[in-house]
Amino acid sequence: MTNQSKVKVYQEVLNKIRHFIEEHELTDGDRLPSERELSEQLNASRASIREALRAIELLGLIETRHGEGTFLRTYKPYHSVELLSTFVLREVKTKHELLEVKFLLEQLCLNQLLLSENWDPSNLRQVLDESNDLHTDLFLQLFQTYGNQLFLKIWHLVTGFIQSIDTSTVKETHYIELINLIKSGQINQAIDYHASIYRQF
């Protein structure tokens, strides 16, 4: 079998597993069938099933519990960050581009959410207490409120990449000021102030 054929089979098995999960409406914590059962139900070799499951587990989408089986788990971007950053973040230029992408995502979120007639700044939950990372906690809340899950996952993944290569921080007081501007309804000032924070990186 050629390499191209192997890739095609591998992709087909991954798609079959994804469809199986969707069709059976499996969610976080649900148990997947055994390799043998998946092999029979998906009409694929056990070797292909095993290889696909290992790839999915590496990305943090499933977990294997000894003596219990394989279970779906909540996707958390940091599971794949360490692995992917080794290959993706090899050039300094890439690091700068990631920071720019993160900034643009946050600016878009601020513009779309804060300028919306349905947005009420008073709904912003308290993020000052028990927070070790005001920036991440603030925007996690804003992206969740915005409601686009794909948007949130992309931002989360980019944030994870950056944190894996850059430990520099901005003074906490700057984020407190940004939070206060948002909560007080000073939208344009908040958007401009957010941009000024990124100029410090």
N, C-alpha and C. Protein backbone atom coordinates (compact mmCIF):
# COMPACT_ATOMS: atom_id res chain seq x y z
N MET A 1 0.85 -1.20 0.00
CA MET A 1 0.00 0.00 0.00
C MET A 1 0.88 1.24 0.00
N THR A 2 0.61 2.20 -0.88
CA THR A 2 1.40 3.43 -0.95
C THR A 2 1.09 4.32 0.24
N ASN A 3 1.99 5.31 0.48
CA ASN A 3 1.77 6.25 1.59
C ASN A 3 0.48 7.02 1.40
N GLN A 4 0.19 7.38 0.16
CA GLN A 4 -1.04 8.12 -0.12
C GLN A 4 -2.27 7.28 0.21
N SER A 5 -2.20 5.99 -0.11
CA SER A 5 -3.32 5.10 0.19
C SER A 5 -3.51 4.94 1.69
N LYS A 6 -2.38 4.85 2.44
CA LYS A 6 -2.44 4.73 3.88
C LYS A 6 -3.09 5.96 4.51
N VAL A 7 -2.73 7.14 4.00
CA VAL A 7 -3.31 8.38 4.51
C VAL A 7 -4.80 8.41 4.25
N LYS A 8 -5.19 7.97 3.05
CA LYS A 8 -6.61 7.96 2.70
C LYS A 8 -7.41 7.05 3.63
N VAL A 9 -6.88 5.86 3.89
CA VAL A 9 -7.55 4.91 4.80
C VAL A 9 -7.65 5.50 6.19
N TYR A 10 -6.56 6.11 6.65
CA TYR A 10 -6.50 6.71 7.98
C TYR A 10 -7.55 7.80 8.12
N GLN A 11 -7.67 8.66 7.12
CA GLN A 11 -8.65 9.75 7.14
C GLN A 11 -10.07 9.20 7.12
N GLU A 12 -10.28 8.14 6.34
CA GLU A 12 -11.61 7.53 6.27
C GLU A 12 -12.02 6.97 7.64
N VAL A 13 -11.08 6.34 8.33
CA VAL A 13 -11.38 5.79 9.66
C VAL A 13 -11.68 6.90 10.65
N LEU A 14 -10.91 7.97 10.59
CA LEU A 14 -11.17 9.12 11.47
C LEU A 14 -12.56 9.68 11.22
N ASN A 15 -12.94 9.80 9.95
CA ASN A 15 -14.27 10.32 9.61
C ASN A 15 -15.37 9.38 10.09
N LYS A 16 -15.12 8.07 9.97
CA LYS A 16 -16.11 7.09 10.42
C LYS A 16 -16.33 7.19 11.93
N ILE A 17 -15.24 7.35 12.67
CA ILE A 17 -15.35 7.48 14.13
C ILE A 17 -16.10 8.76 14.49
N ARG A 18 -15.79 9.84 13.78
CA ARG A 18 -16.48 11.11 14.03
C ARG A 18 -17.97 10.96 13.76
N HIS A 19 -18.32 10.35 12.64
CA HIS A 19 -19.74 10.14 12.31
C HIS A 19 -20.42 9.24 13.34
N PHE A 20 -19.70 8.23 13.80
CA PHE A 20 -20.25 7.32 14.81
C PHE A 20 -20.60 8.11 16.08
N ILE A 21 -19.71 8.98 16.50
CA ILE A 21 -19.94 9.79 17.70
C ILE A 21 -21.15 10.71 17.51
N GLU A 22 -21.24 11.31 16.32
CA GLU A 22 -22.36 12.22 16.04
C GLU A 22 -23.68 11.47 15.96
N GLU A 23 -23.68 10.35 15.27
CA GLU A 23 -24.92 9.57 15.09
C GLU A 23 -25.46 9.04 16.41
N HIS A 24 -24.56 8.66 17.29
CA HIS A 24 -24.98 8.10 18.58
C HIS A 24 -25.07 9.18 19.66
N GLU A 25 -24.84 10.44 19.24
CA GLU A 25 -24.97 11.60 20.13
C GLU A 25 -24.18 11.40 21.42
N LEU A 26 -22.96 10.93 21.27
CA LEU A 26 -22.09 10.73 22.43
C LEU A 26 -21.55 12.08 22.90
N THR A 27 -21.46 12.24 24.20
CA THR A 27 -20.95 13.49 24.77
C THR A 27 -19.84 13.19 25.77
N ASP A 28 -19.28 14.26 26.36
CA ASP A 28 -18.18 14.12 27.30
C ASP A 28 -18.52 13.11 28.39
N GLY A 29 -17.62 12.16 28.59
CA GLY A 29 -17.81 11.16 29.63
C GLY A 29 -18.42 9.86 29.13
N ASP A 30 -18.98 9.88 27.90
CA ASP A 30 -19.56 8.66 27.35
C ASP A 30 -18.46 7.70 26.90
N ARG A 31 -18.76 6.42 27.01
CA ARG A 31 -17.79 5.38 26.65
C ARG A 31 -17.92 5.00 25.19
N LEU A 32 -16.77 4.90 24.52
CA LEU A 32 -16.74 4.43 23.13
C LEU A 32 -16.72 2.89 23.12
N PRO A 33 -17.19 2.29 22.05
CA PRO A 33 -17.10 0.83 21.92
C PRO A 33 -15.62 0.40 21.89
N SER A 34 -15.37 -0.87 22.11
CA SER A 34 -14.01 -1.38 22.08
C SER A 34 -13.46 -1.33 20.66
N GLU A 35 -12.16 -1.55 20.52
CA GLU A 35 -11.54 -1.58 19.19
C GLU A 35 -12.22 -2.63 18.31
N ARG A 36 -12.46 -3.80 18.90
CA ARG A 36 -13.09 -4.88 18.14
C ARG A 36 -14.49 -4.48 17.67
N GLU A 37 -15.26 -3.87 18.57
CA GLU A 37 -16.62 -3.46 18.22
C GLU A 37 -16.61 -2.37 17.15
N LEU A 38 -15.70 -1.41 17.29
CA LEU A 38 -15.59 -0.35 16.28
C LEU A 38 -15.16 -0.92 14.95
N SER A 39 -14.24 -1.89 15.00
CA SER A 39 -13.76 -2.51 13.77
C SER A 39 -14.91 -3.17 13.02
N GLU A 40 -15.78 -3.85 13.75
CA GLU A 40 -16.92 -4.54 13.14
C GLU A 40 -17.97 -3.54 12.64
N GLN A 41 -18.28 -2.54 13.47
CA GLN A 41 -19.34 -1.60 13.12
C GLN A 41 -18.94 -0.64 12.00
N LEU A 42 -17.64 -0.30 11.95
CA LEU A 42 -17.18 0.66 10.95
C LEU A 42 -16.53 -0.01 9.75
N ASN A 43 -16.47 -1.34 9.79
CA ASN A 43 -15.89 -2.09 8.68
C ASN A 43 -14.46 -1.62 8.37
N ALA A 44 -13.65 -1.59 9.43
CA ALA A 44 -12.25 -1.18 9.29
C ALA A 44 -11.38 -2.12 10.12
N SER A 45 -10.13 -2.24 9.74
CA SER A 45 -9.24 -3.13 10.47
C SER A 45 -8.99 -2.60 11.87
N ARG A 46 -8.70 -3.51 12.79
CA ARG A 46 -8.43 -3.09 14.16
C ARG A 46 -7.17 -2.23 14.24
N ALA A 47 -6.22 -2.52 13.36
CA ALA A 47 -4.99 -1.73 13.34
C ALA A 47 -5.30 -0.27 12.98
N SER A 48 -6.19 -0.06 12.00
CA SER A 48 -6.57 1.29 11.59
C SER A 48 -7.35 1.99 12.70
N ILE A 49 -8.23 1.24 13.35
CA ILE A 49 -9.00 1.80 14.46
C ILE A 49 -8.07 2.22 15.58
N ARG A 50 -7.11 1.35 15.90
CA ARG A 50 -6.17 1.64 16.99
C ARG A 50 -5.35 2.88 16.68
N GLU A 51 -4.89 2.99 15.44
CA GLU A 51 -4.07 4.14 15.04
C GLU A 51 -4.88 5.44 15.12
N ALA A 52 -6.11 5.39 14.68
CA ALA A 52 -6.97 6.58 14.72
C ALA A 52 -7.27 6.99 16.16
N LEU A 53 -7.55 6.02 17.01
CA LEU A 53 -7.84 6.31 18.42
C LEU A 53 -6.63 6.92 19.12
N ARG A 54 -5.45 6.44 18.79
CA ARG A 54 -4.24 7.00 19.39
C ARG A 54 -4.07 8.47 19.00
N ALA A 55 -4.35 8.78 17.74
CA ALA A 55 -4.23 10.16 17.27
C ALA A 55 -5.24 11.06 17.98
N ILE A 56 -6.45 10.55 18.14
CA ILE A 56 -7.50 11.32 18.81
C ILE A 56 -7.16 11.52 20.28
N GLU A 57 -6.58 10.48 20.89
CA GLU A 57 -6.21 10.59 22.31
C GLU A 57 -5.06 11.58 22.49
N LEU A 58 -4.14 11.61 21.53
CA LEU A 58 -3.01 12.53 21.59
C LEU A 58 -3.48 13.98 21.59
N LEU A 59 -4.59 14.23 20.91
CA LEU A 59 -5.16 15.58 20.86
C LEU A 59 -6.02 15.89 22.08
N GLY A 60 -6.16 14.92 22.96
CA GLY A 60 -6.92 15.16 24.18
C GLY A 60 -8.42 15.04 24.02
N LEU A 61 -8.88 14.39 22.96
CA LEU A 61 -10.32 14.28 22.71
C LEU A 61 -10.94 13.06 23.37
N ILE A 62 -10.11 12.08 23.68
CA ILE A 62 -10.59 10.88 24.38
C ILE A 62 -9.55 10.50 25.43
N GLU A 63 -9.94 9.66 26.37
CA GLU A 63 -8.99 9.15 27.34
C GLU A 63 -9.26 7.66 27.57
N THR A 64 -8.20 6.92 27.76
CA THR A 64 -8.32 5.49 28.00
C THR A 64 -8.10 5.21 29.49
N ARG A 65 -9.06 4.55 30.09
CA ARG A 65 -8.95 4.20 31.51
C ARG A 65 -8.71 2.70 31.61
N HIS A 66 -7.63 2.34 32.26
CA HIS A 66 -7.25 0.93 32.36
C HIS A 66 -8.37 0.11 32.99
N GLY A 67 -8.77 -0.93 32.28
CA GLY A 67 -9.80 -1.82 32.79
C GLY A 67 -11.22 -1.32 32.60
N GLU A 68 -11.38 -0.09 32.08
CA GLU A 68 -12.72 0.47 31.92
C GLU A 68 -13.08 0.72 30.46
N GLY A 69 -12.13 1.21 29.68
CA GLY A 69 -12.42 1.48 28.28
C GLY A 69 -11.97 2.87 27.85
N THR A 70 -12.49 3.32 26.73
CA THR A 70 -12.14 4.62 26.16
C THR A 70 -13.34 5.55 26.25
N PHE A 71 -13.10 6.78 26.73
CA PHE A 71 -14.18 7.72 26.97
C PHE A 71 -13.92 9.06 26.29
N LEU A 72 -15.00 9.72 25.86
CA LEU A 72 -14.88 11.06 25.31
C LEU A 72 -14.56 12.03 26.44
N ARG A 73 -13.81 13.06 26.12
CA ARG A 73 -13.50 14.06 27.13
C ARG A 73 -13.63 15.44 26.52
N THR A 74 -13.81 16.45 27.36
CA THR A 74 -13.94 17.83 26.88
C THR A 74 -12.64 18.26 26.22
N TYR A 75 -12.76 18.85 25.03
CA TYR A 75 -11.57 19.30 24.32
C TYR A 75 -10.99 20.53 24.99
N LYS A 76 -9.70 20.48 25.29
CA LYS A 76 -9.00 21.63 25.86
C LYS A 76 -7.76 21.86 25.02
N PRO A 77 -7.68 23.03 24.39
CA PRO A 77 -6.60 23.29 23.44
C PRO A 77 -5.20 23.02 23.94
N TYR A 78 -4.95 23.21 25.25
CA TYR A 78 -3.58 23.04 25.72
C TYR A 78 -3.09 21.61 25.58
N HIS A 79 -3.99 20.64 25.39
CA HIS A 79 -3.57 19.26 25.19
C HIS A 79 -2.71 19.12 23.95
N SER A 80 -3.04 19.88 22.91
CA SER A 80 -2.32 19.75 21.65
C SER A 80 -1.28 20.83 21.44
N VAL A 81 -1.29 21.86 22.29
CA VAL A 81 -0.38 22.99 22.11
C VAL A 81 1.08 22.56 22.18
N GLU A 82 1.43 21.80 23.20
CA GLU A 82 2.82 21.43 23.40
C GLU A 82 3.36 20.64 22.22
N LEU A 83 2.56 19.73 21.69
CA LEU A 83 2.98 18.92 20.55
C LEU A 83 3.11 19.77 19.29
N LEU A 84 2.07 20.54 18.98
CA LEU A 84 2.05 21.30 17.73
C LEU A 84 3.05 22.45 17.73
N SER A 85 3.27 23.07 18.89
CA SER A 85 4.17 24.22 18.94
C SER A 85 5.59 23.84 18.57
N THR A 86 5.96 22.60 18.80
CA THR A 86 7.30 22.13 18.44
C THR A 86 7.55 22.29 16.95
N PHE A 87 6.50 22.11 16.15
CA PHE A 87 6.64 22.18 14.70
C PHE A 87 6.22 23.53 14.13
N VAL A 88 5.20 24.14 14.74
CA VAL A 88 4.63 25.36 14.18
C VAL A 88 5.43 26.60 14.55
N LEU A 89 5.94 26.63 15.79
CA LEU A 89 6.55 27.85 16.31
C LEU A 89 8.07 27.83 16.23
N ARG A 90 8.60 27.55 15.09
CA ARG A 90 10.04 27.44 14.95
C ARG A 90 10.69 28.75 14.55
N GLU A 91 9.90 29.68 14.02
CA GLU A 91 10.45 30.95 13.58
C GLU A 91 9.87 32.07 14.42
N VAL A 92 10.70 33.05 14.71
CA VAL A 92 10.25 34.19 15.52
C VAL A 92 9.09 34.90 14.85
N LYS A 93 9.11 34.96 13.52
CA LYS A 93 8.04 35.64 12.79
C LYS A 93 6.69 35.02 13.12
N THR A 94 6.66 33.70 13.28
CA THR A 94 5.42 33.02 13.60
C THR A 94 4.88 33.49 14.95
N LYS A 95 5.76 33.72 15.91
CA LYS A 95 5.35 34.17 17.23
C LYS A 95 4.68 35.54 17.14
N HIS A 96 5.25 36.43 16.37
CA HIS A 96 4.67 37.76 16.19
C HIS A 96 3.32 37.67 15.49
N GLU A 97 3.22 36.76 14.53
CA GLU A 97 1.97 36.60 13.80
C GLU A 97 0.88 36.05 14.71
N LEU A 98 1.24 35.12 15.60
CA LEU A 98 0.28 34.58 16.55
C LEU A 98 -0.26 35.68 17.47
N LEU A 99 0.64 36.52 17.93
CA LEU A 99 0.22 37.62 18.81
C LEU A 99 -0.72 38.56 18.07
N GLU A 100 -0.43 38.79 16.80
CA GLU A 100 -1.30 39.66 16.00
C GLU A 100 -2.67 39.02 15.82
N VAL A 101 -2.70 37.71 15.56
CA VAL A 101 -3.98 37.00 15.40
C VAL A 101 -4.80 37.08 16.69
N LYS A 102 -4.14 36.88 17.82
CA LYS A 102 -4.83 36.94 19.11
C LYS A 102 -5.42 38.34 19.33
N PHE A 103 -4.64 39.34 19.03
CA PHE A 103 -5.11 40.73 19.18
C PHE A 103 -6.32 40.99 18.29
N LEU A 104 -6.25 40.56 17.03
CA LEU A 104 -7.35 40.81 16.10
C LEU A 104 -8.62 40.07 16.51
N LEU A 105 -8.47 38.85 17.00
CA LEU A 105 -9.63 38.10 17.48
C LEU A 105 -10.30 38.82 18.65
N GLU A 106 -9.49 39.30 19.58
CA GLU A 106 -10.03 40.00 20.74
C GLU A 106 -10.67 41.32 20.36
N GLN A 107 -10.05 42.03 19.42
CA GLN A 107 -10.63 43.30 18.96
C GLN A 107 -11.98 43.07 18.29
N LEU A 108 -12.06 42.02 17.47
CA LEU A 108 -13.32 41.70 16.80
C LEU A 108 -14.40 41.35 17.82
N CYS A 109 -14.00 40.58 18.83
CA CYS A 109 -14.96 40.21 19.88
C CYS A 109 -15.45 41.45 20.61
N LEU A 110 -14.53 42.33 20.97
CA LEU A 110 -14.90 43.56 21.67
C LEU A 110 -15.85 44.41 20.82
N ASN A 111 -15.52 44.56 19.54
CA ASN A 111 -16.36 45.37 18.66
C ASN A 111 -17.75 44.78 18.50
N GLN A 112 -17.82 43.48 18.23
CA GLN A 112 -19.10 42.83 17.99
C GLN A 112 -19.96 42.75 19.24
N LEU A 113 -19.31 42.48 20.37
CA LEU A 113 -20.07 42.29 21.61
C LEU A 113 -20.41 43.61 22.28
N LEU A 114 -19.43 44.46 22.46
CA LEU A 114 -19.65 45.68 23.23
C LEU A 114 -20.49 46.71 22.49
N LEU A 115 -20.47 46.66 21.16
CA LEU A 115 -21.27 47.61 20.39
C LEU A 115 -22.66 47.07 20.09
N SER A 116 -22.93 45.85 20.53
CA SER A 116 -24.24 45.26 20.32
C SER A 116 -25.28 45.90 21.23
N GLU A 117 -26.47 46.12 20.69
CA GLU A 117 -27.55 46.71 21.49
C GLU A 117 -27.99 45.78 22.60
N ASN A 118 -27.73 44.49 22.43
CA ASN A 118 -28.15 43.51 23.43
C ASN A 118 -27.13 43.31 24.55
N TRP A 119 -25.96 43.93 24.40
CA TRP A 119 -24.91 43.75 25.40
C TRP A 119 -25.12 44.70 26.58
N ASP A 120 -25.12 44.14 27.77
CA ASP A 120 -25.26 44.92 28.99
C ASP A 120 -23.98 44.76 29.80
N PRO A 121 -23.14 45.81 29.88
CA PRO A 121 -21.86 45.70 30.60
C PRO A 121 -22.01 45.22 32.04
N SER A 122 -23.16 45.46 32.63
CA SER A 122 -23.35 45.06 34.03
C SER A 122 -23.41 43.54 34.16
N ASN A 123 -23.57 42.85 33.02
CA ASN A 123 -23.61 41.39 33.05
C ASN A 123 -22.22 40.77 33.16
N LEU A 124 -21.21 41.60 33.04
CA LEU A 124 -19.85 41.09 33.14
C LEU A 124 -19.61 40.62 34.57
N ARG A 125 -19.41 39.32 34.71
CA ARG A 125 -19.20 38.76 36.04
C ARG A 125 -17.87 39.21 36.62
N GLN A 126 -17.77 39.18 37.91
CA GLN A 126 -16.55 39.59 38.58
C GLN A 126 -15.41 38.67 38.20
N VAL A 127 -14.36 39.24 37.59
CA VAL A 127 -13.21 38.42 37.20
C VAL A 127 -11.96 38.83 37.98
N LEU A 128 -12.11 39.77 38.91
CA LEU A 128 -10.96 40.22 39.67
C LEU A 128 -10.62 39.26 40.81
N ASP A 129 -11.63 38.66 41.39
CA ASP A 129 -11.41 37.75 42.50
C ASP A 129 -10.97 36.38 42.00
N GLU A 130 -10.02 35.80 42.69
CA GLU A 130 -9.56 34.44 42.42
C GLU A 130 -9.08 34.25 40.98
N SER A 131 -8.47 35.28 40.41
CA SER A 131 -7.96 35.18 39.04
C SER A 131 -6.44 35.33 39.05
N ASN A 132 -5.77 34.37 38.42
CA ASN A 132 -4.31 34.45 38.29
C ASN A 132 -3.90 34.97 36.92
N ASP A 133 -4.87 35.14 36.04
CA ASP A 133 -4.60 35.62 34.69
C ASP A 133 -5.80 36.44 34.23
N LEU A 134 -5.79 37.73 34.55
CA LEU A 134 -6.94 38.58 34.26
C LEU A 134 -7.25 38.66 32.77
N HIS A 135 -6.21 38.73 31.94
CA HIS A 135 -6.43 38.84 30.50
C HIS A 135 -7.21 37.64 29.98
N THR A 136 -6.70 36.45 30.27
CA THR A 136 -7.34 35.23 29.78
C THR A 136 -8.73 35.07 30.36
N ASP A 137 -8.90 35.30 31.66
CA ASP A 137 -10.20 35.12 32.29
C ASP A 137 -11.23 36.12 31.77
N LEU A 138 -10.78 37.35 31.53
CA LEU A 138 -11.70 38.37 31.00
C LEU A 138 -12.18 37.99 29.61
N PHE A 139 -11.25 37.66 28.72
CA PHE A 139 -11.66 37.38 27.34
C PHE A 139 -12.33 36.03 27.19
N LEU A 140 -12.01 35.09 28.06
CA LEU A 140 -12.74 33.83 28.06
C LEU A 140 -14.22 34.11 28.32
N GLN A 141 -14.49 34.98 29.28
CA GLN A 141 -15.87 35.33 29.60
C GLN A 141 -16.54 36.08 28.45
N LEU A 142 -15.80 37.01 27.83
CA LEU A 142 -16.36 37.78 26.73
C LEU A 142 -16.66 36.90 25.51
N PHE A 143 -15.72 36.00 25.19
CA PHE A 143 -15.96 35.10 24.05
C PHE A 143 -17.12 34.16 24.33
N GLN A 144 -17.24 33.68 25.56
CA GLN A 144 -18.36 32.81 25.91
C GLN A 144 -19.68 33.56 25.80
N THR A 145 -19.68 34.81 26.20
CA THR A 145 -20.89 35.63 26.10
C THR A 145 -21.24 35.89 24.64
N TYR A 146 -20.21 36.10 23.83
CA TYR A 146 -20.43 36.33 22.40
C TYR A 146 -21.14 35.14 21.77
N GLY A 147 -20.76 33.94 22.21
CA GLY A 147 -21.55 32.75 21.85
C GLY A 147 -21.11 31.94 20.65
N ASN A 148 -20.04 32.37 19.95
CA ASN A 148 -19.56 31.60 18.80
C ASN A 148 -18.49 30.63 19.28
N GLN A 149 -18.84 29.35 19.35
CA GLN A 149 -17.94 28.36 19.93
C GLN A 149 -16.66 28.15 19.12
N LEU A 150 -16.77 28.23 17.78
CA LEU A 150 -15.58 28.08 16.94
C LEU A 150 -14.63 29.25 17.17
N PHE A 151 -15.20 30.43 17.26
CA PHE A 151 -14.44 31.65 17.55
C PHE A 151 -13.67 31.48 18.86
N LEU A 152 -14.36 30.97 19.88
CA LEU A 152 -13.76 30.75 21.19
C LEU A 152 -12.63 29.73 21.12
N LYS A 153 -12.83 28.64 20.40
CA LYS A 153 -11.82 27.59 20.32
C LYS A 153 -10.56 28.08 19.60
N ILE A 154 -10.74 28.87 18.54
CA ILE A 154 -9.59 29.41 17.81
C ILE A 154 -8.79 30.33 18.72
N TRP A 155 -9.49 31.21 19.43
CA TRP A 155 -8.81 32.13 20.35
C TRP A 155 -8.08 31.35 21.45
N HIS A 156 -8.74 30.33 21.99
CA HIS A 156 -8.17 29.52 23.06
C HIS A 156 -6.90 28.82 22.57
N LEU A 157 -6.93 28.30 21.36
CA LEU A 157 -5.78 27.59 20.81
C LEU A 157 -4.61 28.55 20.59
N VAL A 158 -4.89 29.72 20.00
CA VAL A 158 -3.84 30.71 19.76
C VAL A 158 -3.25 31.18 21.09
N THR A 159 -4.11 31.40 22.09
CA THR A 159 -3.64 31.80 23.41
C THR A 159 -2.72 30.75 24.00
N GLY A 160 -3.08 29.49 23.85
CA GLY A 160 -2.25 28.41 24.35
C GLY A 160 -0.90 28.37 23.67
N PHE A 161 -0.88 28.58 22.36
CA PHE A 161 0.38 28.62 21.62
C PHE A 161 1.29 29.70 22.18
N ILE A 162 0.73 30.90 22.36
CA ILE A 162 1.53 32.03 22.82
C ILE A 162 2.07 31.78 24.22
N GLN A 163 1.24 31.25 25.09
CA GLN A 163 1.68 31.00 26.47
C GLN A 163 2.77 29.94 26.54
N SER A 164 2.83 29.08 25.53
CA SER A 164 3.84 28.03 25.53
C SER A 164 5.21 28.55 25.10
N ILE A 165 5.26 29.75 24.52
CA ILE A 165 6.54 30.28 24.03
C ILE A 165 6.90 31.63 24.62
N ASP A 166 5.94 32.28 25.28
CA ASP A 166 6.18 33.64 25.76
C ASP A 166 5.57 33.81 27.15
N THR A 167 6.41 33.99 28.13
CA THR A 167 5.91 34.13 29.50
C THR A 167 5.86 35.58 29.96
N SER A 168 6.11 36.52 29.05
CA SER A 168 6.06 37.93 29.42
C SER A 168 4.64 38.32 29.83
N THR A 169 4.54 39.25 30.76
CA THR A 169 3.24 39.66 31.27
C THR A 169 3.10 41.17 31.27
N VAL A 170 1.87 41.61 31.33
CA VAL A 170 1.55 43.03 31.43
C VAL A 170 1.01 43.27 32.84
N LYS A 171 1.29 44.43 33.40
CA LYS A 171 0.87 44.73 34.76
C LYS A 171 -0.63 44.50 34.93
N GLU A 172 -0.98 43.91 36.06
CA GLU A 172 -2.37 43.59 36.35
C GLU A 172 -3.25 44.84 36.36
N THR A 173 -2.68 45.97 36.74
CA THR A 173 -3.47 47.21 36.81
C THR A 173 -4.04 47.60 35.45
N HIS A 174 -3.34 47.24 34.37
CA HIS A 174 -3.83 47.57 33.03
C HIS A 174 -5.12 46.81 32.73
N TYR A 175 -5.19 45.56 33.15
CA TYR A 175 -6.39 44.77 32.90
C TYR A 175 -7.54 45.20 33.80
N ILE A 176 -7.20 45.63 35.00
CA ILE A 176 -8.23 46.16 35.90
C ILE A 176 -8.85 47.40 35.28
N GLU A 177 -8.01 48.25 34.68
CA GLU A 177 -8.52 49.45 34.02
C GLU A 177 -9.40 49.08 32.83
N LEU A 178 -8.98 48.07 32.05
CA LEU A 178 -9.78 47.64 30.90
C LEU A 178 -11.13 47.10 31.37
N ILE A 179 -11.13 46.31 32.42
CA ILE A 179 -12.38 45.77 32.95
C ILE A 179 -13.30 46.89 33.42
N ASN A 180 -12.73 47.87 34.09
CA ASN A 180 -13.54 48.99 34.58
C ASN A 180 -14.14 49.80 33.43
N LEU A 181 -13.38 49.98 32.35
CA LEU A 181 -13.90 50.70 31.18
C LEU A 181 -15.07 49.94 30.56
N ILE A 182 -14.93 48.62 30.47
CA ILE A 182 -16.00 47.80 29.90
C ILE A 182 -17.25 47.86 30.78
N LYS A 183 -17.07 47.70 32.08
CA LYS A 183 -18.21 47.67 32.99
C LYS A 183 -18.91 49.01 33.08
N SER A 184 -18.16 50.08 32.85
CA SER A 184 -18.77 51.41 32.91
C SER A 184 -19.39 51.83 31.58
N GLY A 185 -19.30 50.96 30.58
CA GLY A 185 -19.93 51.23 29.30
C GLY A 185 -19.14 52.15 28.39
N GLN A 186 -17.88 52.40 28.71
CA GLN A 186 -17.03 53.25 27.86
C GLN A 186 -16.40 52.37 26.77
N ILE A 187 -17.23 52.07 25.78
CA ILE A 187 -16.87 51.06 24.80
C ILE A 187 -15.67 51.44 23.94
N ASN A 188 -15.73 52.61 23.31
CA ASN A 188 -14.63 53.01 22.43
C ASN A 188 -13.32 53.15 23.19
N GLN A 189 -13.43 53.67 24.41
CA GLN A 189 -12.22 53.80 25.23
C GLN A 189 -11.65 52.42 25.58
N ALA A 190 -12.54 51.45 25.83
CA ALA A 190 -12.09 50.09 26.16
C ALA A 190 -11.37 49.46 24.98
N ILE A 191 -11.92 49.64 23.78
CA ILE A 191 -11.31 49.08 22.58
C ILE A 191 -9.94 49.69 22.33
N ASP A 192 -9.83 51.02 22.49
CA ASP A 192 -8.55 51.69 22.31
C ASP A 192 -7.54 51.28 23.39
N TYR A 193 -8.04 51.13 24.61
CA TYR A 193 -7.15 50.76 25.71
C TYR A 193 -6.63 49.34 25.52
N HIS A 194 -7.47 48.46 25.02
CA HIS A 194 -7.04 47.09 24.72
C HIS A 194 -5.90 47.10 23.71
N ALA A 195 -6.01 47.97 22.70
CA ALA A 195 -4.95 48.07 21.70
C ALA A 195 -3.65 48.58 22.33
N SER A 196 -3.77 49.51 23.28
CA SER A 196 -2.57 50.05 23.93
C SER A 196 -1.86 48.99 24.77
N ILE A 197 -2.62 48.04 25.32
CA ILE A 197 -2.02 46.95 26.09
C ILE A 197 -1.11 46.11 25.20
N TYR A 198 -1.56 45.84 23.97
CA TYR A 198 -0.78 44.99 23.07
C TYR A 198 0.49 45.69 22.59
N ARG A 199 0.50 46.99 22.63
CA ARG A 199 1.71 47.70 22.21
C ARG A 199 2.83 47.51 23.24
N GLN A 200 2.50 46.94 24.40
CA GLN A 200 3.52 46.72 25.43
C GLN A 200 4.21 45.37 25.28
N PHE A 201 3.65 44.50 24.44
CA PHE A 201 4.26 43.18 24.27
C PHE A 201 5.54 43.28 23.43
